[in-house]
Amino acid sequence: MDEYNCRLLSFVPRALDGEAERWPVDTLRPEDMAGAGFRYTGERRHQADSVTCDFCEMQAWAWEAKDDPFDEHLNGSPNCQYLTTQLFKDRHKVFLLKREATDKASPAASNTIDEILTPPVTPVKPKAGRKPGRKPGRSMVLSPIVTVYDSTPSDDQKQNAVHRETENSPIEIAITAGGTKFTIQVADVGPRGTKRRRID
């Protein structure tokens, strides 16, 4: 996910009760704030409209209807690296066009710009039937696990084991799962002693 979308998502964080918190300034759209390089960092109690730029760490709050977040960023931190990017310039141009369309009270122009930049709204499930104070549970479906294991060797394997014990060649144990074959070779390196060691 690109940086613009991450900043945009910060304007709609999830509250503890599952409800979405909202950007408190109705006159400035989250798309414009994120386009200006700001990430929403506000708290409900103090500075509810506080935003921060991740590039220059400039903080801004107390937004008003007449404010231009792009100009505020340019004036507040003129050396910010984000201000020289094409994304900043493009989003600023769209913001100015939208402001101009709003000032002229031309709803058609405003709707056209909105259609270009704003993704469709995700539908929200209704809360009917949910008990108050209860968080929605997550359902989890587990896939079936099939285990195949045959612990009794066939007659051929018993005969091969007897013949291999008399030879000094290594014994091979082959395990095949899917398209992978795993082979273990066990070689008798000499006479076994009477001492046994346990390896944990």
N, C-alpha and C. Protein backbone atom coordinates (compact mmCIF):
# COMPACT_ATOMS: atom_id res chain seq x y z
N MET A 1 0.85 -1.16 0.00
CA MET A 1 0.00 0.00 0.00
C MET A 1 0.90 1.24 0.00
N ASP A 2 0.57 2.22 -0.83
CA ASP A 2 1.43 3.39 -0.91
C ASP A 2 1.18 4.34 0.26
N GLU A 3 2.07 5.32 0.38
CA GLU A 3 2.04 6.22 1.54
C GLU A 3 0.76 7.04 1.60
N TYR A 4 0.25 7.47 0.42
CA TYR A 4 -0.98 8.27 0.40
C TYR A 4 -2.13 7.48 1.02
N ASN A 5 -2.29 6.24 0.61
CA ASN A 5 -3.39 5.42 1.15
C ASN A 5 -3.23 5.16 2.64
N CYS A 6 -2.00 4.98 3.10
CA CYS A 6 -1.76 4.80 4.55
C CYS A 6 -2.17 6.05 5.32
N ARG A 7 -1.82 7.21 4.78
CA ARG A 7 -2.22 8.46 5.44
C ARG A 7 -3.74 8.61 5.42
N LEU A 8 -4.35 8.27 4.29
CA LEU A 8 -5.80 8.39 4.17
C LEU A 8 -6.52 7.47 5.16
N LEU A 9 -6.00 6.27 5.34
CA LEU A 9 -6.61 5.33 6.30
C LEU A 9 -6.50 5.82 7.74
N SER A 10 -5.50 6.66 8.02
CA SER A 10 -5.35 7.16 9.39
C SER A 10 -6.50 8.09 9.79
N PHE A 11 -7.23 8.60 8.81
CA PHE A 11 -8.35 9.50 9.11
C PHE A 11 -9.62 8.75 9.48
N VAL A 12 -9.61 7.42 9.36
CA VAL A 12 -10.77 6.62 9.73
C VAL A 12 -10.30 5.45 10.59
N PRO A 13 -9.71 5.72 11.76
CA PRO A 13 -9.27 4.61 12.62
C PRO A 13 -10.45 3.93 13.28
N ARG A 14 -10.24 2.73 13.73
CA ARG A 14 -11.30 1.98 14.41
C ARG A 14 -11.25 2.27 15.90
N ALA A 15 -12.42 2.53 16.46
CA ALA A 15 -12.52 2.72 17.91
C ALA A 15 -12.61 1.36 18.58
N LEU A 16 -12.51 1.33 19.89
CA LEU A 16 -12.55 0.08 20.63
C LEU A 16 -13.89 -0.64 20.49
N ASP A 17 -14.97 0.11 20.31
CA ASP A 17 -16.28 -0.52 20.21
C ASP A 17 -16.61 -0.98 18.80
N GLY A 18 -15.67 -0.87 17.87
CA GLY A 18 -15.90 -1.32 16.50
C GLY A 18 -16.46 -0.24 15.60
N GLU A 19 -16.86 0.89 16.17
CA GLU A 19 -17.37 1.99 15.37
C GLU A 19 -16.21 2.83 14.84
N ALA A 20 -16.40 3.39 13.67
CA ALA A 20 -15.34 4.21 13.08
C ALA A 20 -15.35 5.61 13.70
N GLU A 21 -14.17 6.09 14.08
CA GLU A 21 -14.06 7.47 14.52
C GLU A 21 -14.02 8.32 13.26
N ARG A 22 -14.44 9.54 13.36
CA ARG A 22 -14.48 10.39 12.18
C ARG A 22 -13.53 11.57 12.33
N TRP A 23 -13.02 12.00 11.19
CA TRP A 23 -12.23 13.22 11.12
C TRP A 23 -13.17 14.35 11.51
N PRO A 24 -12.84 15.13 12.55
CA PRO A 24 -13.79 16.08 13.12
C PRO A 24 -14.06 17.34 12.29
N VAL A 25 -13.29 17.61 11.25
CA VAL A 25 -13.47 18.84 10.48
C VAL A 25 -14.21 18.51 9.19
N ASP A 26 -15.49 18.90 9.12
CA ASP A 26 -16.31 18.56 7.97
C ASP A 26 -15.94 19.32 6.71
N THR A 27 -15.34 20.49 6.86
CA THR A 27 -15.04 21.32 5.69
C THR A 27 -13.77 20.90 4.96
N LEU A 28 -12.92 20.11 5.59
CA LEU A 28 -11.70 19.62 4.95
C LEU A 28 -11.79 18.10 4.82
N ARG A 29 -11.73 17.63 3.60
CA ARG A 29 -11.87 16.19 3.36
C ARG A 29 -10.59 15.45 3.73
N PRO A 30 -10.71 14.22 4.24
CA PRO A 30 -9.52 13.41 4.53
C PRO A 30 -8.63 13.20 3.31
N GLU A 31 -9.23 13.11 2.11
CA GLU A 31 -8.44 12.96 0.88
C GLU A 31 -7.52 14.15 0.67
N ASP A 32 -8.03 15.35 0.99
CA ASP A 32 -7.21 16.55 0.83
C ASP A 32 -6.11 16.62 1.89
N MET A 33 -6.45 16.25 3.11
CA MET A 33 -5.45 16.27 4.18
C MET A 33 -4.33 15.26 3.89
N ALA A 34 -4.70 14.06 3.45
CA ALA A 34 -3.69 13.05 3.11
C ALA A 34 -2.89 13.48 1.90
N GLY A 35 -3.54 14.12 0.93
CA GLY A 35 -2.84 14.62 -0.25
C GLY A 35 -1.84 15.71 0.11
N ALA A 36 -2.15 16.49 1.14
CA ALA A 36 -1.23 17.54 1.60
C ALA A 36 -0.07 16.96 2.40
N GLY A 37 -0.10 15.64 2.65
CA GLY A 37 1.01 14.98 3.33
C GLY A 37 0.76 14.72 4.80
N PHE A 38 -0.46 14.94 5.26
CA PHE A 38 -0.75 14.80 6.68
C PHE A 38 -1.38 13.46 7.02
N ARG A 39 -1.03 12.98 8.21
CA ARG A 39 -1.60 11.77 8.79
C ARG A 39 -2.35 12.20 10.05
N TYR A 40 -3.56 11.67 10.23
CA TYR A 40 -4.40 12.04 11.37
C TYR A 40 -3.83 11.44 12.65
N THR A 41 -3.56 12.31 13.64
CA THR A 41 -3.01 11.85 14.92
C THR A 41 -3.82 12.37 16.10
N GLY A 42 -4.99 12.94 15.82
CA GLY A 42 -5.78 13.58 16.86
C GLY A 42 -6.32 12.63 17.90
N GLU A 43 -6.58 13.18 19.06
CA GLU A 43 -7.20 12.45 20.16
C GLU A 43 -8.59 13.05 20.37
N ARG A 44 -9.45 12.30 21.00
CA ARG A 44 -10.81 12.78 21.24
C ARG A 44 -10.83 13.97 22.19
N ARG A 45 -9.99 13.96 23.20
CA ARG A 45 -10.04 14.99 24.24
C ARG A 45 -9.23 16.22 23.87
N HIS A 46 -7.98 16.02 23.51
CA HIS A 46 -7.08 17.14 23.26
C HIS A 46 -6.74 17.18 21.77
N GLN A 47 -6.88 18.34 21.18
CA GLN A 47 -6.51 18.55 19.78
C GLN A 47 -7.09 17.45 18.89
N ALA A 48 -8.39 17.40 18.82
CA ALA A 48 -9.08 16.35 18.07
C ALA A 48 -8.79 16.41 16.58
N ASP A 49 -8.32 17.54 16.08
CA ASP A 49 -8.04 17.66 14.65
C ASP A 49 -6.54 17.75 14.35
N SER A 50 -5.72 17.21 15.22
CA SER A 50 -4.27 17.26 15.07
C SER A 50 -3.80 16.31 13.96
N VAL A 51 -2.92 16.82 13.10
CA VAL A 51 -2.33 16.02 12.02
C VAL A 51 -0.82 16.20 12.04
N THR A 52 -0.10 15.23 11.45
CA THR A 52 1.36 15.25 11.42
C THR A 52 1.85 14.84 10.04
N CYS A 53 2.91 15.47 9.58
CA CYS A 53 3.57 15.05 8.34
C CYS A 53 4.68 14.07 8.71
N ASP A 54 4.70 12.91 8.07
CA ASP A 54 5.72 11.90 8.38
C ASP A 54 7.09 12.27 7.82
N PHE A 55 7.12 13.17 6.84
CA PHE A 55 8.39 13.55 6.23
C PHE A 55 9.14 14.59 7.06
N CYS A 56 8.45 15.67 7.45
CA CYS A 56 9.12 16.75 8.18
C CYS A 56 8.69 16.82 9.65
N GLU A 57 7.74 15.98 10.05
CA GLU A 57 7.22 15.90 11.41
C GLU A 57 6.52 17.19 11.86
N MET A 58 6.05 17.98 10.89
CA MET A 58 5.28 19.18 11.22
C MET A 58 3.92 18.75 11.77
N GLN A 59 3.48 19.41 12.84
CA GLN A 59 2.17 19.15 13.40
C GLN A 59 1.29 20.38 13.20
N ALA A 60 0.01 20.13 12.92
CA ALA A 60 -0.93 21.23 12.74
C ALA A 60 -2.26 20.83 13.35
N TRP A 61 -2.99 21.84 13.88
CA TRP A 61 -4.29 21.59 14.49
C TRP A 61 -5.10 22.87 14.44
N ALA A 62 -6.28 22.85 15.00
CA ALA A 62 -7.22 23.98 15.00
C ALA A 62 -7.56 24.41 13.57
N TRP A 63 -8.00 23.46 12.77
CA TRP A 63 -8.33 23.72 11.37
C TRP A 63 -9.66 24.46 11.28
N GLU A 64 -9.72 25.39 10.32
CA GLU A 64 -10.94 26.16 10.07
C GLU A 64 -11.40 25.91 8.64
N ALA A 65 -12.63 26.33 8.34
CA ALA A 65 -13.22 26.08 7.02
C ALA A 65 -12.42 26.73 5.90
N LYS A 66 -11.83 27.88 6.15
CA LYS A 66 -11.11 28.60 5.10
C LYS A 66 -9.68 28.10 4.88
N ASP A 67 -9.19 27.22 5.73
CA ASP A 67 -7.80 26.76 5.65
C ASP A 67 -7.55 25.92 4.40
N ASP A 68 -6.35 26.10 3.86
CA ASP A 68 -5.86 25.28 2.74
C ASP A 68 -4.72 24.43 3.31
N PRO A 69 -4.91 23.11 3.48
CA PRO A 69 -3.87 22.29 4.10
C PRO A 69 -2.56 22.29 3.31
N PHE A 70 -2.65 22.48 2.01
CA PHE A 70 -1.44 22.51 1.18
C PHE A 70 -0.63 23.77 1.46
N ASP A 71 -1.32 24.93 1.51
CA ASP A 71 -0.63 26.18 1.83
C ASP A 71 -0.10 26.18 3.26
N GLU A 72 -0.88 25.61 4.18
CA GLU A 72 -0.42 25.53 5.57
C GLU A 72 0.87 24.71 5.67
N HIS A 73 0.93 23.63 4.90
CA HIS A 73 2.13 22.79 4.91
C HIS A 73 3.30 23.53 4.27
N LEU A 74 3.04 24.21 3.14
CA LEU A 74 4.09 24.99 2.48
C LEU A 74 4.63 26.10 3.38
N ASN A 75 3.75 26.81 4.07
CA ASN A 75 4.18 27.91 4.93
C ASN A 75 4.81 27.41 6.23
N GLY A 76 4.29 26.33 6.77
CA GLY A 76 4.78 25.83 8.05
C GLY A 76 6.10 25.09 7.96
N SER A 77 6.37 24.44 6.83
CA SER A 77 7.60 23.67 6.67
C SER A 77 8.04 23.70 5.21
N PRO A 78 8.60 24.83 4.76
CA PRO A 78 8.94 24.98 3.34
C PRO A 78 10.03 24.02 2.85
N ASN A 79 10.81 23.43 3.74
CA ASN A 79 11.89 22.52 3.33
C ASN A 79 11.48 21.05 3.33
N CYS A 80 10.21 20.76 3.53
CA CYS A 80 9.74 19.37 3.57
C CYS A 80 9.94 18.72 2.20
N GLN A 81 10.46 17.49 2.20
CA GLN A 81 10.72 16.77 0.95
C GLN A 81 9.44 16.43 0.20
N TYR A 82 8.36 16.19 0.92
CA TYR A 82 7.10 15.80 0.28
C TYR A 82 6.53 16.91 -0.59
N LEU A 83 6.81 18.17 -0.25
CA LEU A 83 6.25 19.30 -0.99
C LEU A 83 6.75 19.38 -2.42
N THR A 84 7.85 18.72 -2.74
CA THR A 84 8.40 18.75 -4.10
C THR A 84 7.91 17.59 -4.96
N THR A 85 7.13 16.69 -4.39
CA THR A 85 6.68 15.52 -5.16
C THR A 85 5.53 15.88 -6.09
N GLN A 86 5.38 15.08 -7.13
CA GLN A 86 4.30 15.29 -8.10
C GLN A 86 2.94 15.02 -7.46
N LEU A 87 2.87 14.07 -6.55
CA LEU A 87 1.61 13.76 -5.87
C LEU A 87 1.09 14.99 -5.12
N PHE A 88 1.98 15.69 -4.43
CA PHE A 88 1.58 16.89 -3.70
C PHE A 88 1.02 17.94 -4.67
N LYS A 89 1.73 18.15 -5.78
CA LYS A 89 1.30 19.16 -6.76
C LYS A 89 -0.04 18.78 -7.39
N ASP A 90 -0.20 17.51 -7.75
CA ASP A 90 -1.46 17.06 -8.36
C ASP A 90 -2.63 17.19 -7.39
N ARG A 91 -2.43 16.75 -6.15
CA ARG A 91 -3.50 16.84 -5.16
C ARG A 91 -3.84 18.29 -4.83
N HIS A 92 -2.84 19.16 -4.83
CA HIS A 92 -3.10 20.57 -4.57
C HIS A 92 -3.92 21.18 -5.70
N LYS A 93 -3.59 20.82 -6.92
CA LYS A 93 -4.33 21.32 -8.08
C LYS A 93 -5.80 20.88 -8.00
N VAL A 94 -6.04 19.63 -7.66
CA VAL A 94 -7.41 19.13 -7.53
C VAL A 94 -8.13 19.84 -6.39
N PHE A 95 -7.43 20.08 -5.29
CA PHE A 95 -8.02 20.78 -4.15
C PHE A 95 -8.46 22.18 -4.56
N LEU A 96 -7.60 22.89 -5.30
CA LEU A 96 -7.94 24.25 -5.73
C LEU A 96 -9.11 24.24 -6.71
N LEU A 97 -9.15 23.26 -7.62
CA LEU A 97 -10.28 23.15 -8.55
C LEU A 97 -11.58 22.90 -7.78
N LYS A 98 -11.51 22.05 -6.79
CA LYS A 98 -12.70 21.73 -5.99
C LYS A 98 -13.15 22.97 -5.21
N ARG A 99 -12.21 23.69 -4.63
CA ARG A 99 -12.55 24.92 -3.90
C ARG A 99 -13.20 25.93 -4.84
N GLU A 100 -12.62 26.07 -6.04
CA GLU A 100 -13.16 27.01 -7.02
C GLU A 100 -14.58 26.60 -7.42
N ALA A 101 -14.78 25.31 -7.64
CA ALA A 101 -16.11 24.82 -8.00
C ALA A 101 -17.10 25.05 -6.87
N THR A 102 -16.66 24.88 -5.64
CA THR A 102 -17.53 25.08 -4.48
C THR A 102 -17.86 26.56 -4.33
N ASP A 103 -16.86 27.43 -4.55
CA ASP A 103 -17.09 28.87 -4.43
C ASP A 103 -18.08 29.36 -5.49
N LYS A 104 -18.00 28.79 -6.69
CA LYS A 104 -18.92 29.19 -7.77
C LYS A 104 -20.27 28.49 -7.63
N ALA A 105 -20.38 27.61 -6.63
CA ALA A 105 -21.62 26.85 -6.40
C ALA A 105 -22.00 26.05 -7.63
N SER A 106 -21.02 25.40 -8.21
CA SER A 106 -21.25 24.55 -9.37
C SER A 106 -21.19 23.10 -8.92
N PRO A 107 -22.32 22.49 -8.58
CA PRO A 107 -22.29 21.12 -8.08
C PRO A 107 -21.82 20.11 -9.12
N ALA A 108 -22.03 20.39 -10.41
CA ALA A 108 -21.62 19.43 -11.45
C ALA A 108 -20.10 19.28 -11.48
N ALA A 109 -19.38 20.40 -11.41
CA ALA A 109 -17.91 20.34 -11.42
C ALA A 109 -17.40 19.67 -10.16
N SER A 110 -18.01 19.97 -9.04
CA SER A 110 -17.59 19.36 -7.78
C SER A 110 -17.81 17.85 -7.80
N ASN A 111 -18.93 17.39 -8.33
CA ASN A 111 -19.21 15.96 -8.40
C ASN A 111 -18.24 15.25 -9.32
N THR A 112 -17.83 15.88 -10.42
CA THR A 112 -16.89 15.27 -11.35
C THR A 112 -15.55 15.03 -10.67
N ILE A 113 -15.07 15.99 -9.93
CA ILE A 113 -13.79 15.85 -9.23
C ILE A 113 -13.90 14.77 -8.17
N ASP A 114 -15.02 14.74 -7.45
CA ASP A 114 -15.22 13.70 -6.43
C ASP A 114 -15.21 12.31 -7.04
N GLU A 115 -15.84 12.16 -8.20
CA GLU A 115 -15.89 10.84 -8.84
C GLU A 115 -14.50 10.37 -9.23
N ILE A 116 -13.62 11.29 -9.61
CA ILE A 116 -12.27 10.92 -10.03
C ILE A 116 -11.45 10.43 -8.85
N LEU A 117 -11.55 11.10 -7.70
CA LEU A 117 -10.64 10.83 -6.59
C LEU A 117 -11.18 9.92 -5.51
N THR A 118 -12.48 9.86 -5.34
CA THR A 118 -13.02 9.14 -4.20
C THR A 118 -13.44 7.73 -4.59
N PRO A 119 -12.90 6.71 -3.90
CA PRO A 119 -13.32 5.34 -4.17
C PRO A 119 -14.75 5.12 -3.67
N PRO A 120 -15.43 4.09 -4.18
CA PRO A 120 -16.80 3.84 -3.72
C PRO A 120 -16.83 3.52 -2.23
N VAL A 121 -17.93 3.87 -1.60
CA VAL A 121 -18.10 3.66 -0.16
C VAL A 121 -18.34 2.18 0.11
N THR A 122 -17.68 1.66 1.12
CA THR A 122 -17.88 0.27 1.53
C THR A 122 -19.14 0.19 2.37
N PRO A 123 -20.06 -0.72 2.03
CA PRO A 123 -21.29 -0.81 2.82
C PRO A 123 -21.01 -1.31 4.23
N VAL A 124 -21.80 -0.83 5.19
CA VAL A 124 -21.65 -1.20 6.59
C VAL A 124 -22.80 -2.13 6.96
N LYS A 125 -22.49 -3.19 7.70
CA LYS A 125 -23.52 -4.13 8.14
C LYS A 125 -24.43 -3.44 9.15
N PRO A 126 -25.73 -3.71 9.09
CA PRO A 126 -26.62 -3.16 10.11
C PRO A 126 -26.39 -3.84 11.45
N LYS A 127 -26.71 -3.15 12.53
CA LYS A 127 -26.46 -3.68 13.87
C LYS A 127 -27.66 -4.42 14.44
N ALA A 128 -28.65 -4.69 13.64
CA ALA A 128 -29.85 -5.35 14.15
C ALA A 128 -29.52 -6.72 14.71
N GLY A 129 -30.08 -7.03 15.87
CA GLY A 129 -29.90 -8.34 16.47
C GLY A 129 -28.65 -8.47 17.32
N ARG A 130 -27.81 -7.46 17.36
CA ARG A 130 -26.59 -7.54 18.16
C ARG A 130 -26.86 -7.04 19.56
N LYS A 131 -26.39 -7.76 20.53
CA LYS A 131 -26.57 -7.36 21.92
C LYS A 131 -25.67 -6.18 22.23
N PRO A 132 -26.16 -5.19 23.00
CA PRO A 132 -25.33 -4.03 23.33
C PRO A 132 -24.14 -4.44 24.19
N GLY A 133 -23.00 -3.83 23.91
CA GLY A 133 -21.80 -4.09 24.68
C GLY A 133 -21.05 -5.34 24.25
N ARG A 134 -21.58 -6.05 23.30
CA ARG A 134 -20.92 -7.28 22.86
C ARG A 134 -20.22 -7.04 21.53
N LYS A 135 -18.97 -7.40 21.46
CA LYS A 135 -18.21 -7.24 20.23
C LYS A 135 -18.57 -8.38 19.27
N PRO A 136 -18.58 -8.08 17.98
CA PRO A 136 -18.89 -9.15 17.04
C PRO A 136 -17.79 -10.20 17.05
N GLY A 137 -18.18 -11.46 17.06
CA GLY A 137 -17.21 -12.55 17.07
C GLY A 137 -16.73 -12.89 15.67
N ARG A 138 -15.61 -13.50 15.59
CA ARG A 138 -15.08 -13.92 14.30
C ARG A 138 -15.30 -15.41 14.15
N SER A 139 -15.78 -15.80 13.01
CA SER A 139 -15.95 -17.23 12.77
C SER A 139 -14.70 -17.75 12.07
N MET A 140 -14.30 -18.91 12.46
CA MET A 140 -13.08 -19.48 11.91
C MET A 140 -13.40 -20.88 11.39
N VAL A 141 -12.97 -21.16 10.19
CA VAL A 141 -13.19 -22.47 9.60
C VAL A 141 -11.83 -23.12 9.42
N LEU A 142 -11.70 -24.32 9.93
CA LEU A 142 -10.44 -25.05 9.80
C LEU A 142 -10.57 -26.06 8.67
N SER A 143 -9.52 -26.19 7.91
CA SER A 143 -9.53 -27.19 6.84
C SER A 143 -9.24 -28.55 7.45
N PRO A 144 -9.78 -29.61 6.84
CA PRO A 144 -9.53 -30.94 7.40
C PRO A 144 -8.07 -31.35 7.25
N ILE A 145 -7.56 -32.05 8.24
CA ILE A 145 -6.19 -32.55 8.19
C ILE A 145 -6.25 -34.06 8.03
N VAL A 146 -5.61 -34.53 7.00
CA VAL A 146 -5.61 -35.97 6.73
C VAL A 146 -4.21 -36.49 7.00
N THR A 147 -4.10 -37.48 7.86
CA THR A 147 -2.81 -38.07 8.20
C THR A 147 -2.80 -39.51 7.72
N VAL A 148 -1.77 -39.86 6.95
CA VAL A 148 -1.63 -41.23 6.47
C VAL A 148 -0.35 -41.78 7.08
N TYR A 149 -0.48 -42.92 7.80
CA TYR A 149 0.68 -43.49 8.46
C TYR A 149 0.49 -45.00 8.54
N ASP A 150 1.46 -45.75 8.07
CA ASP A 150 1.42 -47.21 8.14
C ASP A 150 2.63 -47.65 8.93
N SER A 151 2.40 -48.14 10.14
CA SER A 151 3.52 -48.49 11.00
C SER A 151 3.98 -49.93 10.87
N THR A 152 3.25 -50.77 10.18
CA THR A 152 3.66 -52.18 10.05
C THR A 152 4.39 -52.37 8.74
N PRO A 153 5.61 -52.84 8.78
CA PRO A 153 6.35 -53.05 7.54
C PRO A 153 5.80 -54.26 6.78
N SER A 154 5.92 -54.20 5.48
CA SER A 154 5.47 -55.34 4.67
C SER A 154 6.52 -56.45 4.74
N ASP A 155 6.18 -57.63 4.20
CA ASP A 155 7.12 -58.77 4.23
C ASP A 155 8.40 -58.46 3.47
N ASP A 156 8.28 -57.72 2.36
CA ASP A 156 9.48 -57.37 1.58
C ASP A 156 10.42 -56.52 2.41
N GLN A 157 9.86 -55.58 3.17
CA GLN A 157 10.70 -54.71 3.98
C GLN A 157 11.41 -55.49 5.08
N LYS A 158 10.72 -56.49 5.68
CA LYS A 158 11.36 -57.31 6.71
C LYS A 158 12.52 -58.10 6.12
N GLN A 159 12.31 -58.67 4.94
CA GLN A 159 13.37 -59.43 4.29
C GLN A 159 14.54 -58.53 3.93
N ASN A 160 14.25 -57.33 3.41
CA ASN A 160 15.33 -56.40 3.05
C ASN A 160 16.11 -55.98 4.29
N ALA A 161 15.42 -55.80 5.40
CA ALA A 161 16.10 -55.39 6.63
C ALA A 161 17.04 -56.48 7.11
N VAL A 162 16.63 -57.74 7.00
CA VAL A 162 17.49 -58.85 7.43
C VAL A 162 18.72 -58.92 6.55
N HIS A 163 18.52 -58.77 5.22
CA HIS A 163 19.66 -58.84 4.31
C HIS A 163 20.60 -57.65 4.51
N ARG A 164 20.05 -56.50 4.77
CA ARG A 164 20.89 -55.31 4.92
C ARG A 164 21.69 -55.35 6.21
N GLU A 165 21.17 -56.00 7.25
CA GLU A 165 21.91 -56.06 8.50
C GLU A 165 23.20 -56.86 8.34
N THR A 166 23.20 -57.79 7.42
CA THR A 166 24.40 -58.60 7.21
C THR A 166 25.41 -57.88 6.34
N GLU A 167 24.96 -56.91 5.55
CA GLU A 167 25.88 -56.17 4.69
C GLU A 167 26.38 -54.93 5.43
N ASN A 168 27.41 -54.32 4.90
CA ASN A 168 27.94 -53.10 5.49
C ASN A 168 27.48 -51.85 4.74
N SER A 169 26.54 -52.00 3.85
CA SER A 169 26.04 -50.83 3.12
C SER A 169 24.99 -50.10 3.98
N PRO A 170 24.84 -48.80 3.78
CA PRO A 170 23.91 -48.03 4.61
C PRO A 170 22.45 -48.41 4.33
N ILE A 171 21.62 -48.23 5.33
CA ILE A 171 20.19 -48.46 5.20
C ILE A 171 19.55 -47.12 4.83
N GLU A 172 18.64 -47.16 3.85
CA GLU A 172 17.97 -45.94 3.42
C GLU A 172 16.54 -45.93 3.91
N ILE A 173 16.14 -44.80 4.44
CA ILE A 173 14.75 -44.58 4.83
C ILE A 173 14.26 -43.44 3.96
N ALA A 174 13.25 -43.71 3.15
CA ALA A 174 12.74 -42.69 2.22
C ALA A 174 11.34 -42.27 2.63
N ILE A 175 11.13 -40.97 2.68
CA ILE A 175 9.82 -40.41 3.00
C ILE A 175 9.43 -39.51 1.84
N THR A 176 8.25 -39.76 1.29
CA THR A 176 7.77 -38.95 0.18
C THR A 176 6.47 -38.29 0.58
N ALA A 177 6.40 -36.98 0.41
CA ALA A 177 5.18 -36.23 0.69
C ALA A 177 4.97 -35.23 -0.44
N GLY A 178 3.86 -35.36 -1.12
CA GLY A 178 3.62 -34.46 -2.25
C GLY A 178 4.66 -34.71 -3.31
N GLY A 179 5.34 -33.68 -3.75
CA GLY A 179 6.38 -33.82 -4.75
C GLY A 179 7.77 -33.84 -4.15
N THR A 180 7.89 -33.95 -2.84
CA THR A 180 9.18 -33.90 -2.17
C THR A 180 9.54 -35.28 -1.63
N LYS A 181 10.77 -35.69 -1.90
CA LYS A 181 11.25 -36.97 -1.37
C LYS A 181 12.41 -36.67 -0.43
N PHE A 182 12.32 -37.22 0.78
CA PHE A 182 13.33 -37.01 1.81
C PHE A 182 13.95 -38.37 2.12
N THR A 183 15.26 -38.51 1.94
CA THR A 183 15.94 -39.79 2.14
C THR A 183 16.94 -39.67 3.28
N ILE A 184 16.90 -40.65 4.19
CA ILE A 184 17.84 -40.73 5.31
C ILE A 184 18.65 -42.00 5.14
N GLN A 185 19.97 -41.88 5.20
CA GLN A 185 20.84 -43.06 5.13
C GLN A 185 21.45 -43.31 6.49
N VAL A 186 21.31 -44.55 6.98
CA VAL A 186 21.86 -44.93 8.27
C VAL A 186 22.93 -45.98 7.99
N ALA A 187 24.15 -45.69 8.39
CA ALA A 187 25.26 -46.62 8.15
C ALA A 187 25.75 -47.15 9.49
N ASP A 188 26.09 -48.43 9.52
CA ASP A 188 26.64 -49.04 10.73
C ASP A 188 28.13 -48.73 10.73
N VAL A 189 28.57 -47.91 11.66
CA VAL A 189 29.96 -47.47 11.66
C VAL A 189 30.88 -48.38 12.46
N GLY A 190 30.36 -49.39 13.05
CA GLY A 190 31.21 -50.29 13.81
C GLY A 190 30.41 -51.04 14.84
N PRO A 191 31.10 -51.85 15.64
CA PRO A 191 30.38 -52.62 16.66
C PRO A 191 29.79 -51.70 17.71
N ARG A 192 28.62 -52.05 18.15
CA ARG A 192 27.93 -51.25 19.17
C ARG A 192 28.52 -51.57 20.53
N GLY A 193 28.70 -50.57 21.31
CA GLY A 193 29.20 -50.75 22.66
C GLY A 193 28.06 -51.05 23.61
N THR A 194 28.43 -51.32 24.83
CA THR A 194 27.42 -51.62 25.84
C THR A 194 26.89 -50.35 26.49
N LYS A 195 27.59 -49.23 26.26
CA LYS A 195 27.17 -47.97 26.85
C LYS A 195 26.10 -47.32 25.95
N ARG A 196 25.05 -46.86 26.55
CA ARG A 196 24.03 -46.17 25.79
C ARG A 196 23.98 -44.72 26.25
N ARG A 197 23.80 -43.84 25.31
CA ARG A 197 23.69 -42.42 25.62
C ARG A 197 22.33 -41.93 25.18
N ARG A 198 21.77 -41.10 26.00
CA ARG A 198 20.47 -40.53 25.65
C ARG A 198 20.69 -39.10 25.17
N ILE A 199 20.18 -38.82 24.02
CA ILE A 199 20.31 -37.48 23.46
C ILE A 199 18.93 -36.85 23.48
N ASP A 200 18.82 -35.74 24.19
CA ASP A 200 17.52 -35.06 24.28
C ASP A 200 17.46 -33.93 23.30
